[in-house]
Protein backbone atom coordinates (compact mmCIF):
# COMPACT_ATOMS: atom_id res chain seq x y z
CA MET A 1 -14.59 -9.32 87.70
CA ALA A 2 -13.37 -5.81 88.47
CA LYS A 3 -9.67 -4.93 88.51
CA CYS A 4 -7.76 -3.63 91.53
CA VAL A 5 -6.75 0.00 90.97
CA TRP A 6 -3.28 -0.77 92.36
CA CYS A 7 -2.18 -4.22 91.12
CA LYS A 8 -4.60 -4.27 88.13
CA ASN A 9 -5.46 -7.92 88.79
CA SER A 10 -9.01 -9.10 88.25
CA THR A 11 -10.23 -10.00 91.70
CA GLU A 12 -12.89 -9.28 94.23
CA LEU A 13 -12.51 -5.69 95.45
CA TYR A 14 -12.19 -4.96 99.14
CA LYS A 15 -12.42 -1.17 99.68
CA SER A 16 -12.13 1.95 97.52
CA GLY A 17 -11.39 -0.10 94.38
CA TYR A 18 -8.47 -2.02 96.00
CA CYS A 19 -8.18 -5.75 96.50
CA GLU A 20 -7.74 -6.80 100.13
CA ASP A 21 -4.04 -7.62 99.80
CA CYS A 22 -3.14 -4.25 98.21
CA TYR A 23 -5.33 -2.30 100.61
CA ASN A 24 -3.75 -3.86 103.73
CA ARG A 25 -0.21 -3.73 102.35
CA ILE A 26 -0.41 -0.05 101.35
CA ARG A 27 -2.13 0.89 104.61
CA ASP A 28 0.49 -0.92 106.71
CA ASP A 29 3.32 0.65 104.69
CA ILE A 30 1.94 4.15 105.17
CA LEU A 31 1.42 3.66 108.91
CA SER A 32 4.90 2.15 109.28
CA ASN A 33 6.58 5.02 107.41
CA LYS A 34 4.70 7.68 109.38
CA LYS A 35 5.54 5.93 112.66
CA ARG A 36 9.21 5.83 111.67
CA LEU A 37 9.05 9.52 110.72
CA ASP A 38 7.71 10.30 114.20
CA GLU A 39 10.61 8.34 115.70
CA LEU A 40 13.10 10.30 113.60
CA LEU A 41 11.50 13.51 114.87
CA GLU A 42 12.20 12.41 118.47
CA GLN A 43 15.78 11.44 117.58
CA SER A 44 16.43 14.78 115.85
CA ALA A 45 15.71 16.56 119.13
CA LEU A 46 18.36 14.57 121.06
CA PRO A 47 21.86 15.94 121.63
CA GLY A 48 24.45 14.28 119.43
CA ALA A 49 21.86 13.03 116.90
CA ASP A 50 23.25 11.64 113.66
CA LYS A 51 22.22 14.50 111.47
CA THR A 52 23.16 12.94 108.13
CA ALA A 53 21.49 9.61 108.76
CA ILE A 54 18.27 11.21 110.04
CA LEU A 55 18.04 13.55 107.05
CA GLU A 56 18.65 10.74 104.55
CA GLU A 57 16.11 8.38 106.13
CA SER A 58 13.44 11.06 106.60
CA THR A 59 13.90 12.13 102.98
CA ARG A 60 13.53 8.52 101.80
CA ILE A 61 10.37 8.05 103.86
CA CYS A 62 8.87 11.30 102.59
CA LYS A 63 9.52 10.27 98.98
CA ALA A 64 7.77 6.96 99.60
CA LEU A 65 4.79 8.70 101.18
CA ASP A 66 4.74 11.22 98.37
CA GLU A 67 4.30 8.41 95.83
CA TYR A 68 1.13 7.30 97.59
CA LYS A 69 -0.03 10.90 97.68
CA LYS A 70 0.59 11.37 93.96
CA LYS A 71 -1.43 8.21 93.22
CA LYS A 72 -4.26 9.63 95.36
CA VAL A 73 -4.57 6.76 97.79
CA PRO A 74 -7.96 7.60 99.41
CA PHE A 75 -7.08 6.57 102.96
CA TYR A 76 -3.89 8.64 103.01
CA LYS A 77 -5.26 11.72 104.76
CA SER A 78 -2.64 13.33 107.03
CA ASP A 79 0.35 15.19 105.60
CA TYR A 80 3.99 14.44 106.44
CA GLN A 81 5.22 17.96 105.73
CA PRO A 82 4.78 19.34 109.30
CA THR A 83 6.76 16.40 110.75
CA LEU A 84 9.50 16.77 108.13
CA ALA A 85 9.68 20.53 108.77
CA ALA A 86 10.06 19.90 112.51
CA ILE A 87 12.93 17.43 111.87
CA TYR A 88 14.76 19.98 109.74
CA GLN A 89 14.21 22.62 112.38
CA ASN A 90 15.62 20.39 115.12
CA LEU A 91 18.69 19.69 112.97
CA GLY A 92 19.15 23.36 112.07
CA GLU A 93 18.50 22.80 108.37
CA ALA A 94 16.35 24.81 105.96
CA LEU A 95 13.53 22.80 104.43
CA VAL A 96 13.26 23.18 100.66
CA LEU A 97 9.65 22.73 99.57
CA PRO A 98 8.95 20.14 96.88
CA GLN A 99 8.87 21.41 93.33
CA LYS A 100 5.17 20.67 93.10
CA GLN A 101 4.37 23.26 95.76
CA LYS A 102 6.51 25.80 93.96
CA MET A 103 4.60 25.09 90.81
CA ASN A 104 1.34 25.52 92.71
CA GLN A 105 2.46 28.93 93.92
CA THR A 106 3.39 29.85 90.35
CA THR A 107 0.01 28.63 89.14
CA VAL A 108 -1.78 30.79 91.73
CA THR A 109 0.27 33.80 90.66
CA LEU A 110 -0.54 33.16 86.99
CA PHE A 111 -4.23 32.70 87.84
CA ILE A 112 -4.31 36.04 89.66
CA ALA A 113 -2.50 37.73 86.77
CA CYS A 114 -4.99 36.23 84.28
CA ALA A 115 -7.92 37.34 86.43
CA VAL A 116 -6.56 40.90 86.55
CA LEU A 117 -6.03 40.82 82.79
CA ILE A 118 -9.60 39.61 82.19
CA VAL A 119 -11.03 42.31 84.45
CA SER A 120 -8.95 44.92 82.63
CA CYS A 121 -10.17 43.66 79.24
CA VAL A 122 -13.79 43.78 80.40
CA ALA A 123 -13.28 47.34 81.67
CA LEU A 124 -11.69 48.37 78.37
CA LEU A 125 -14.54 46.74 76.43
CA TYR A 126 -17.09 48.63 78.53
CA GLN A 127 -15.23 51.89 77.95
CA SER A 128 -15.11 51.13 74.22
CA VAL A 129 -18.88 50.50 74.05
CA THR A 130 -19.53 53.65 76.08
CA LEU A 131 -17.26 55.76 73.87
CA SER A 132 -18.88 54.29 70.74
CA ALA A 133 -22.33 55.30 72.02
CA GLN A 134 -21.03 58.78 72.83
CA VAL A 135 -19.53 59.07 69.34
CA ASP A 136 -22.89 58.07 67.81
CA ASP A 137 -24.68 60.71 69.90
CA MET A 138 -22.13 63.34 68.91
CA THR A 139 -22.51 62.35 65.24
CA VAL A 140 -26.27 62.89 65.47
CA GLN A 141 -25.73 66.23 67.19
CA ILE A 142 -23.18 67.32 64.58
CA SER A 143 -25.62 66.38 61.79
CA ALA A 144 -28.37 68.41 63.47
CA LEU A 145 -25.99 71.36 63.89
CA GLN A 146 -24.99 71.15 60.23
CA THR A 147 -28.67 71.22 59.22
CA ASP A 148 -29.30 74.20 61.50
CA ASN A 149 -26.23 75.93 60.11
CA GLN A 150 -27.44 75.39 56.53
CA ASN A 151 -30.86 76.78 57.42
CA LEU A 152 -29.27 79.81 59.03
CA SER A 153 -27.03 80.28 55.99
CA ASP A 154 -30.06 80.17 53.70
CA GLN A 155 -31.90 82.67 55.91
CA LEU A 156 -28.86 84.94 56.00
CA ALA A 157 -28.52 84.80 52.21
CA ALA A 158 -32.19 85.69 51.80
CA TYR A 159 -31.84 88.52 54.30
CA GLN A 160 -28.73 89.84 52.58
CA LYS A 161 -30.50 89.67 49.24
CA THR A 162 -33.50 91.56 50.61
CA ALA A 163 -31.29 94.09 52.33
CA SER A 164 -29.28 94.77 49.19
CA ALA A 165 -32.39 95.21 47.02
CA LYS A 166 -34.00 98.61 46.65
CA LYS A 167 -37.02 98.31 48.91
CA THR A 168 -39.15 101.05 47.35
CA VAL A 169 -39.39 101.99 43.70
CA THR A 170 -41.80 104.34 41.90
CA LEU A 171 -42.79 103.50 38.31
CA ASP A 172 -44.78 105.53 35.76
CA ASN A 173 -46.30 104.53 32.41
CA GLY A 174 -44.31 101.84 30.66
CA ASN A 175 -43.17 98.22 30.75
CA TYR A 176 -40.72 97.11 33.42
CA VAL A 177 -38.94 93.76 33.90
CA ALA A 178 -38.35 92.24 37.35
CA GLY A 179 -34.70 91.57 37.95
CA ALA A 180 -33.65 94.28 35.50
CA ASP A 181 -35.66 97.42 36.23
CA PHE A 182 -36.42 96.50 39.82
CA ALA A 183 -35.55 93.63 42.13
CA ALA A 184 -37.52 90.41 41.66
CA GLY A 185 -39.69 89.63 44.65
CA THR A 186 -43.00 90.05 46.40
CA TYR A 187 -44.37 93.61 46.55
CA ASP A 188 -47.09 95.76 48.01
CA ILE A 189 -48.28 98.02 45.14
CA GLU A 190 -49.91 101.40 45.78
CA ALA A 191 -51.24 104.01 43.29
CA VAL A 192 -49.45 107.35 43.62
CA SER A 193 -51.29 109.36 40.92
CA GLY A 194 -53.50 108.87 37.89
CA LEU A 195 -55.92 106.08 37.00
CA GLY A 196 -55.13 103.15 34.76
CA ASN A 197 -54.18 99.50 34.29
CA VAL A 198 -51.52 97.56 36.23
CA ILE A 199 -50.84 94.19 34.62
CA SER A 200 -48.10 91.58 35.08
CA ASP A 201 -47.55 88.85 32.48
CA ASN A 202 -47.92 86.27 35.23
CA SER A 203 -51.41 87.53 36.05
CA SER A 204 -52.93 84.25 34.92
CA LEU A 205 -50.92 82.55 37.64
CA ASP A 206 -51.47 82.73 41.38
CA GLY A 207 -49.82 85.84 42.76
CA GLY A 208 -49.67 88.12 39.69
CA ILE A 209 -51.80 91.22 39.08
CA ASN A 210 -54.30 92.44 36.47
CA ALA A 211 -56.13 95.42 37.94
CA ILE A 212 -57.33 99.01 37.54
CA MET A 213 -55.59 101.18 40.08
CA GLY A 214 -55.78 104.87 40.91
CA THR A 215 -55.98 107.47 43.63
CA LYS A 216 -59.24 108.36 45.32
CA ALA A 217 -59.03 111.89 43.96
CA GLU A 218 -59.02 110.66 40.37
CA ASP A 219 -61.25 107.62 40.76
CA THR A 220 -64.54 109.51 40.43
CA LEU A 221 -66.39 106.37 39.34
CA GLY A 222 -65.11 104.25 42.19
CA ILE A 223 -63.79 101.51 39.89
CA ALA A 224 -60.17 101.42 40.98
CA GLU A 225 -58.18 99.96 43.85
CA GLN A 226 -55.56 102.12 45.48
CA LYS A 227 -53.47 99.30 46.94
CA TYR A 228 -52.65 95.57 46.48
CA SER A 229 -50.56 93.45 48.82
CA ASN A 230 -48.19 90.49 48.29
CA ILE A 231 -48.02 90.65 44.51
CA LYS A 232 -45.45 88.18 43.23
CA LEU A 233 -43.12 89.46 40.53
CA PRO A 234 -40.46 86.77 39.95
CA ASP A 235 -37.31 87.29 37.90
CA GLY A 236 -38.16 88.03 34.25
CA THR A 237 -41.77 89.06 34.93
CA THR A 238 -42.94 92.09 32.93
CA LEU A 239 -45.03 94.68 34.74
CA MET A 240 -47.09 96.92 32.42
CA LEU A 241 -48.41 100.33 33.60
CA SER A 242 -50.84 102.47 31.63
CA GLY A 243 -52.20 105.84 32.89
CA VAL A 244 -51.13 105.37 36.49
CA LYS A 245 -48.01 105.90 38.57
CA VAL A 246 -47.42 103.30 41.29
CA ARG A 247 -45.08 102.75 44.23
CA LEU A 248 -43.69 99.24 44.71
CA LYS A 249 -42.68 98.39 48.28
CA LEU A 250 -40.52 95.25 48.53
CA VAL A 251 -41.78 92.60 50.97
CA GLU A 252 -39.45 89.73 50.03
CA ALA A 253 -36.64 89.58 47.52
CA TYR A 254 -36.13 86.45 45.40
């Protein structure tokens, strides 16, 4: 058999997990105490009421009712606090709330504080994620700027090298070395006078020269070229001239 939630005896249950005896006894006790509390309320409003006796008895009754409340008796529905507060008011006393209510107020305050703290943490986390994304974007932008800056530096160095080189040089018969006798680079070569051979020792490679050059006035057989463009003469390349004077015009310095 099931046990009564109040007396713990194994018996047939009546209502809400209580045996019939416990159910009726508790119910009658609650009703009796609340009725007596109502009577004390009426007495507290009378002139010449025994203040001390009323306060002591109402306090005792409230403690008894509070025990039922703590044990969560299901048929104990109405609260005694309004009646007790009215008695204290009639007697000119200040009602001190039970410690449990004070603790409930403290709990509510702590709950609100925790909620505010959680919201603040979430906001800080969101700001942290946002800032992290912004830092990543800025890192990418900085890397791109560094690459652009390096490219510009390389272009500036090439420009400065070209600007510092002698852009036009005239050479007659002889052997000349790029980087020593003239700046290494890419040149347009034009015959100034005479008729003869213009050969670079990189002529077997793409960009060198091995040609007969001369002016129109002296090229009576029509076998010479007066001008060549974009001839590459890297550092250390030897340019050999025989029978012809040429003008080298720098296109790009190396």
